[in-house]
Amino acid sequence: MKTILWATLSANGNYAQSSPENPPTKEALQDFAAQAGAAGNFIVGRRTFEGMRGSGNPGPFGEIDIVVISRNTAEIPGVKVAKSPQDALEYLQERGHHTALISGGADIHNSFLASGLVDELIFNVAPVLEGKGLNLVIDKDRYQFKPVELLDCKPLGGGVVQLRYGIDR
C-alpha cells in the first residue's frame, strides 16, 4: 500500500498551527480535501480528529474512510479506531484501498516515519513564520541522512507552495 504523509508547514519549517484566530489557509484545506478524496481515506490522531470534527457533521468527508489512531479510545461513531499505524494500514487494505493519506498530527506523522511506513511526503508551505509550531521528529539513528526525491513543486495560490517528495523505503 502506498502511504502519503500530508502536512501544512510554516515558511520556517514548523507545523502550521491552526486555531480559530489562525485558521488554515483555504488553499491547504482544498488540497487536503482533494488528496483525501483521491485516496478515499485518511488517517489521523484523535486530538487532530476532534479538532477537525468541530460541530460533529462529516462535512466534505462523509464518503471517505476515516481511521483515527488512539491507544486510549476504543470507539468513535462513524470512524474506525486503530491502535497503531500498522493496524490502520491493515484496515484500509482490507477495505480495498491502495493508497493511505496520513493527515496528522505530529505524533501520528512521527510514528509512521519511525516505522518506515511513508512512501511520499506532501508539504504545503504556508506564507507565515511561526515560533511555537511542532516539528517532524524523526528517528535519529535511522534518518541521520535520508535523501528524498522531489516529485513535484507547484503553487496552490494564496502564497502556498506544495512540495511533494518520494522516500525510498
C-alpha atoms as a PDB file:
ATOM      1  CA  MET A   1       0.000   0.000   0.000  1.00  0.00           C
ATOM      2  CA  LYS A   2       1.299   3.442  -0.915  1.00  0.00           C
ATOM      3  CA  THR A   3       1.331   5.842   2.039  1.00  0.00           C
ATOM      4  CA  ILE A   4       1.379   9.619   1.696  1.00  0.00           C
ATOM      5  CA  LEU A   5       2.132  11.863   4.653  1.00  0.00           C
ATOM      6  CA  TRP A   6       0.379  15.236   4.220  1.00  0.00           C
ATOM      7  CA  ALA A   7       1.106  18.375   6.284  1.00  0.00           C
ATOM      8  CA  THR A   8       0.978  22.127   6.162  1.00  0.00           C
ATOM      9  CA  LEU A   9       4.202  23.747   7.321  1.00  0.00           C
ATOM     10  CA  SER A  10       5.103  27.335   8.030  1.00  0.00           C
ATOM     11  CA  ALA A  11       7.762  29.020   5.897  1.00  0.00           C
ATOM     12  CA  ASN A  12      10.308  28.354   8.672  1.00  0.00           C
ATOM     13  CA  GLY A  13       9.545  24.614   8.679  1.00  0.00           C
ATOM     14  CA  ASN A  14       7.290  24.226  11.722  1.00  0.00           C
ATOM     15  CA  TYR A  15       3.882  22.613  11.563  1.00  0.00           C
ATOM     16  CA  ALA A  16       1.438  25.410  10.830  1.00  0.00           C
ATOM     17  CA  GLN A  17      -0.662  25.681  13.969  1.00  0.00           C
ATOM     18  CA  SER A  18      -4.304  26.364  13.252  1.00  0.00           C
ATOM     19  CA  SER A  19      -6.817  27.806  15.669  1.00  0.00           C
ATOM     20  CA  PRO A  20      -9.961  29.930  15.424  1.00  0.00           C
ATOM     21  CA  GLU A  21      -7.692  33.001  15.470  1.00  0.00           C
ATOM     22  CA  ASN A  22      -5.318  31.480  12.913  1.00  0.00           C
ATOM     23  CA  PRO A  23      -7.316  29.190  10.603  1.00  0.00           C
ATOM     24  CA  PRO A  24      -5.634  27.045   7.955  1.00  0.00           C
ATOM     25  CA  THR A  25      -5.408  28.575   4.504  1.00  0.00           C
ATOM     26  CA  LYS A  26      -8.283  27.772   2.170  1.00  0.00           C
ATOM     27  CA  GLU A  27      -5.731  26.518  -0.366  1.00  0.00           C
ATOM     28  CA  ALA A  28      -4.361  23.950   2.098  1.00  0.00           C
ATOM     29  CA  LEU A  29      -7.880  22.859   3.093  1.00  0.00           C
ATOM     30  CA  GLN A  30      -8.905  22.473  -0.543  1.00  0.00           C
ATOM     31  CA  ASP A  31      -5.783  20.442  -1.247  1.00  0.00           C
ATOM     32  CA  PHE A  32      -6.412  18.193   1.755  1.00  0.00           C
ATOM     33  CA  ALA A  33      -9.989  17.553   0.610  1.00  0.00           C
ATOM     34  CA  ALA A  34      -8.721  16.715  -2.888  1.00  0.00           C
ATOM     35  CA  GLN A  35      -5.980  14.388  -1.582  1.00  0.00           C
ATOM     36  CA  ALA A  36      -8.397  12.628   0.802  1.00  0.00           C
ATOM     37  CA  GLY A  37     -10.962  12.279  -1.969  1.00  0.00           C
ATOM     38  CA  ALA A  38      -8.386  10.770  -4.335  1.00  0.00           C
ATOM     39  CA  ALA A  39      -7.210   8.287  -1.684  1.00  0.00           C
ATOM     40  CA  GLY A  40     -10.734   7.612  -0.427  1.00  0.00           C
ATOM     41  CA  ASN A  41      -9.460   7.775   3.148  1.00  0.00           C
ATOM     42  CA  PHE A  42      -7.292   9.491   5.685  1.00  0.00           C
ATOM     43  CA  ILE A  43      -5.562   8.523   8.911  1.00  0.00           C
ATOM     44  CA  VAL A  44      -5.500  10.983  11.787  1.00  0.00           C
ATOM     45  CA  GLY A  45      -4.782  11.145  15.509  1.00  0.00           C
ATOM     46  CA  ARG A  46      -7.629  11.520  17.987  1.00  0.00           C
ATOM     47  CA  ARG A  47      -6.870  15.107  19.051  1.00  0.00           C
ATOM     48  CA  THR A  48      -6.488  16.258  15.451  1.00  0.00           C
ATOM     49  CA  PHE A  49      -9.716  14.458  14.512  1.00  0.00           C
ATOM     50  CA  GLU A  50     -11.607  16.121  17.349  1.00  0.00           C
ATOM     51  CA  GLY A  51     -10.374  19.498  16.113  1.00  0.00           C
ATOM     52  CA  MET A  52     -11.454  18.681  12.559  1.00  0.00           C
ATOM     53  CA  ARG A  53     -14.840  17.308  13.580  1.00  0.00           C
ATOM     54  CA  GLY A  54     -15.936  20.505  15.319  1.00  0.00           C
ATOM     55  CA  SER A  55     -19.724  20.517  15.136  1.00  0.00           C
ATOM     56  CA  GLY A  56     -19.946  16.780  14.554  1.00  0.00           C
ATOM     57  CA  ASN A  57     -21.168  16.774  10.942  1.00  0.00           C
ATOM     58  CA  PRO A  58     -18.991  14.870   8.448  1.00  0.00           C
ATOM     59  CA  GLY A  59     -18.519  17.887   6.169  1.00  0.00           C
ATOM     60  CA  PRO A  60     -16.795  17.024   2.887  1.00  0.00           C
ATOM     61  CA  PHE A  61     -15.635  13.653   4.246  1.00  0.00           C
ATOM     62  CA  GLY A  62     -18.951  11.801   4.507  1.00  0.00           C
ATOM     63  CA  GLU A  63     -17.996   9.145   1.926  1.00  0.00           C
ATOM     64  CA  ILE A  64     -14.344   8.773   2.956  1.00  0.00           C
ATOM     65  CA  ASP A  65     -12.957   6.073   5.256  1.00  0.00           C
ATOM     66  CA  ILE A  66     -11.522   7.833   8.301  1.00  0.00           C
ATOM     67  CA  VAL A  67      -9.165   5.984  10.628  1.00  0.00           C
ATOM     68  CA  VAL A  68      -8.377   7.546  13.996  1.00  0.00           C
ATOM     69  CA  ILE A  69      -5.290   6.219  15.753  1.00  0.00           C
ATOM     70  CA  SER A  70      -5.692   6.195  19.516  1.00  0.00           C
ATOM     71  CA  ARG A  71      -4.324   3.952  22.224  1.00  0.00           C
ATOM     72  CA  ASN A  72      -6.929   5.134  24.754  1.00  0.00           C
ATOM     73  CA  THR A  73     -10.162   5.497  22.796  1.00  0.00           C
ATOM     74  CA  ALA A  74     -11.984   2.297  21.901  1.00  0.00           C
ATOM     75  CA  GLU A  75     -14.759   3.656  19.712  1.00  0.00           C
ATOM     76  CA  ILE A  76     -15.768   6.831  17.874  1.00  0.00           C
ATOM     77  CA  PRO A  77     -19.070   6.755  15.981  1.00  0.00           C
ATOM     78  CA  GLY A  78     -18.659   6.880  12.208  1.00  0.00           C
ATOM     79  CA  VAL A  79     -14.920   6.177  12.071  1.00  0.00           C
ATOM     80  CA  LYS A  80     -12.568   3.238  12.565  1.00  0.00           C
ATOM     81  CA  VAL A  81     -10.331   3.439  15.625  1.00  0.00           C
ATOM     82  CA  ALA A  82      -6.938   1.740  15.278  1.00  0.00           C
ATOM     83  CA  LYS A  83      -4.282   1.240  17.947  1.00  0.00           C
ATOM     84  CA  SER A  84      -1.219   1.635  15.687  1.00  0.00           C
ATOM     85  CA  PRO A  85      -0.096   2.738  12.216  1.00  0.00           C
ATOM     86  CA  GLN A  86       0.132  -0.905  11.149  1.00  0.00           C
ATOM     87  CA  ASP A  87      -3.452  -1.583  12.323  1.00  0.00           C
ATOM     88  CA  ALA A  88      -4.673   1.468  10.390  1.00  0.00           C
ATOM     89  CA  LEU A  89      -2.988   0.328   7.178  1.00  0.00           C
ATOM     90  CA  GLU A  90      -4.262  -3.242   7.558  1.00  0.00           C
ATOM     91  CA  TYR A  91      -7.825  -1.929   7.944  1.00  0.00           C
ATOM     92  CA  LEU A  92      -7.554   0.243   4.822  1.00  0.00           C
ATOM     93  CA  GLN A  93      -6.081  -2.657   2.823  1.00  0.00           C
ATOM     94  CA  GLU A  94      -8.982  -4.869   3.932  1.00  0.00           C
ATOM     95  CA  ARG A  95     -11.337  -2.145   2.679  1.00  0.00           C
ATOM     96  CA  GLY A  96      -9.653  -2.304  -0.753  1.00  0.00           C
ATOM     97  CA  HIS A  97      -7.638   0.920  -0.639  1.00  0.00           C
ATOM     98  CA  HIS A  98      -4.324   1.107  -2.490  1.00  0.00           C
ATOM     99  CA  THR A  99      -3.257   4.482  -1.046  1.00  0.00           C
ATOM    100  CA  ALA A 100      -3.424   5.793   2.518  1.00  0.00           C
ATOM    101  CA  LEU A 101      -3.312   9.509   3.336  1.00  0.00           C
ATOM    102  CA  ILE A 102      -1.713  10.255   6.703  1.00  0.00           C
ATOM    103  CA  SER A 103      -3.050  13.619   7.776  1.00  0.00           C
ATOM    104  CA  GLY A 104      -1.745  14.250  11.266  1.00  0.00           C
ATOM    105  CA  GLY A 105      -0.961  15.348  13.865  1.00  0.00           C
ATOM    106  CA  ALA A 106       2.705  15.409  14.630  1.00  0.00           C
ATOM    107  CA  ASP A 107       2.685  12.253  16.801  1.00  0.00           C
ATOM    108  CA  ILE A 108       0.981  10.265  14.035  1.00  0.00           C
ATOM    109  CA  HIS A 109       3.394  11.585  11.397  1.00  0.00           C
ATOM    110  CA  ASN A 110       6.379  10.750  13.567  1.00  0.00           C
ATOM    111  CA  SER A 111       5.108   7.237  14.345  1.00  0.00           C
ATOM    112  CA  PHE A 112       4.650   6.446  10.632  1.00  0.00           C
ATOM    113  CA  LEU A 113       8.088   7.854   9.797  1.00  0.00           C
ATOM    114  CA  ALA A 114       9.774   5.999  12.674  1.00  0.00           C
ATOM    115  CA  SER A 115       8.159   2.753  11.494  1.00  0.00           C
ATOM    116  CA  GLY A 116       9.397   3.289   7.923  1.00  0.00           C
ATOM    117  CA  LEU A 117       5.830   3.351   6.594  1.00  0.00           C
ATOM    118  CA  VAL A 118       5.909   6.506   4.431  1.00  0.00           C
ATOM    119  CA  ASP A 119       6.346   6.456   0.646  1.00  0.00           C
ATOM    120  CA  GLU A 120       5.650  10.119  -0.132  1.00  0.00           C
ATOM    121  CA  LEU A 121       5.605  13.443   1.672  1.00  0.00           C
ATOM    122  CA  ILE A 122       3.328  16.318   0.695  1.00  0.00           C
ATOM    123  CA  PHE A 123       4.207  19.583   2.387  1.00  0.00           C
ATOM    124  CA  ASN A 124       2.088  22.650   1.757  1.00  0.00           C
ATOM    125  CA  VAL A 125       4.277  25.546   2.832  1.00  0.00           C
ATOM    126  CA  ALA A 126       2.159  28.462   4.086  1.00  0.00           C
ATOM    127  CA  PRO A 127       3.404  32.050   3.871  1.00  0.00           C
ATOM    128  CA  VAL A 128       3.768  32.536   7.645  1.00  0.00           C
ATOM    129  CA  LEU A 129       6.534  32.313  10.236  1.00  0.00           C
ATOM    130  CA  GLU A 130       5.693  30.548  13.497  1.00  0.00           C
ATOM    131  CA  GLY A 131       7.778  30.274  16.622  1.00  0.00           C
ATOM    132  CA  LYS A 132       5.609  27.786  18.520  1.00  0.00           C
ATOM    133  CA  GLY A 133       4.956  25.166  15.857  1.00  0.00           C
ATOM    134  CA  LEU A 134       5.804  21.489  16.241  1.00  0.00           C
ATOM    135  CA  ASN A 135       8.460  19.791  14.125  1.00  0.00           C
ATOM    136  CA  LEU A 136       8.795  16.435  12.459  1.00  0.00           C
ATOM    137  CA  VAL A 137      10.987  14.493  14.864  1.00  0.00           C
ATOM    138  CA  ILE A 138      12.417  11.508  13.097  1.00  0.00           C
ATOM    139  CA  ASP A 139      14.453   8.558  14.341  1.00  0.00           C
ATOM    140  CA  LYS A 140      17.965  10.000  14.554  1.00  0.00           C
ATOM    141  CA  ASP A 141      19.647   6.614  14.094  1.00  0.00           C
ATOM    142  CA  ARG A 142      17.661   5.722  11.005  1.00  0.00           C
ATOM    143  CA  TYR A 143      17.438   9.183   9.440  1.00  0.00           C
ATOM    144  CA  GLN A 144      20.850  10.754  10.061  1.00  0.00           C
ATOM    145  CA  PHE A 145      20.833  11.401   6.328  1.00  0.00           C
ATOM    146  CA  LYS A 146      17.963  10.163   4.180  1.00  0.00           C
ATOM    147  CA  PRO A 147      17.733  11.551   0.668  1.00  0.00           C
ATOM    148  CA  VAL A 148      14.291  12.158  -0.754  1.00  0.00           C
ATOM    149  CA  GLU A 149      13.350  12.760  -4.370  1.00  0.00           C
ATOM    150  CA  LEU A 150      11.459  15.887  -5.377  1.00  0.00           C
ATOM    151  CA  LEU A 151       8.473  14.613  -7.367  1.00  0.00           C
ATOM    152  CA  ASP A 152       6.616  17.888  -7.840  1.00  0.00           C
ATOM    153  CA  CYS A 153       6.576  21.517  -6.804  1.00  0.00           C
ATOM    154  CA  LYS A 154       3.638  23.800  -7.529  1.00  0.00           C
ATOM    155  CA  PRO A 155       1.934  26.923  -6.239  1.00  0.00           C
ATOM    156  CA  LEU A 156      -1.544  26.352  -4.789  1.00  0.00           C
ATOM    157  CA  GLY A 157      -2.441  30.050  -4.612  1.00  0.00           C
ATOM    158  CA  GLY A 158      -2.511  32.498  -1.741  1.00  0.00           C
ATOM    159  CA  GLY A 159       1.260  32.203  -1.347  1.00  0.00           C
ATOM    160  CA  VAL A 160       1.037  28.459  -0.520  1.00  0.00           C
ATOM    161  CA  VAL A 161       3.586  26.237  -2.302  1.00  0.00           C
ATOM    162  CA  GLN A 162       3.259  22.454  -2.409  1.00  0.00           C
ATOM    163  CA  LEU A 163       6.357  20.263  -2.287  1.00  0.00           C
ATOM    164  CA  ARG A 164       5.943  16.552  -2.990  1.00  0.00           C
ATOM    165  CA  TYR A 165       8.800  14.164  -2.178  1.00  0.00           C
ATOM    166  CA  GLY A 166       9.309  10.445  -2.651  1.00  0.00           C
ATOM    167  CA  ILE A 167      11.002   8.340   0.024  1.00  0.00           C
ATOM    168  CA  ASP A 168      12.807   5.160  -0.934  1.00  0.00           C
ATOM    169  CA  ARG A 169      11.778   2.537   1.605  1.00  0.00           C
END
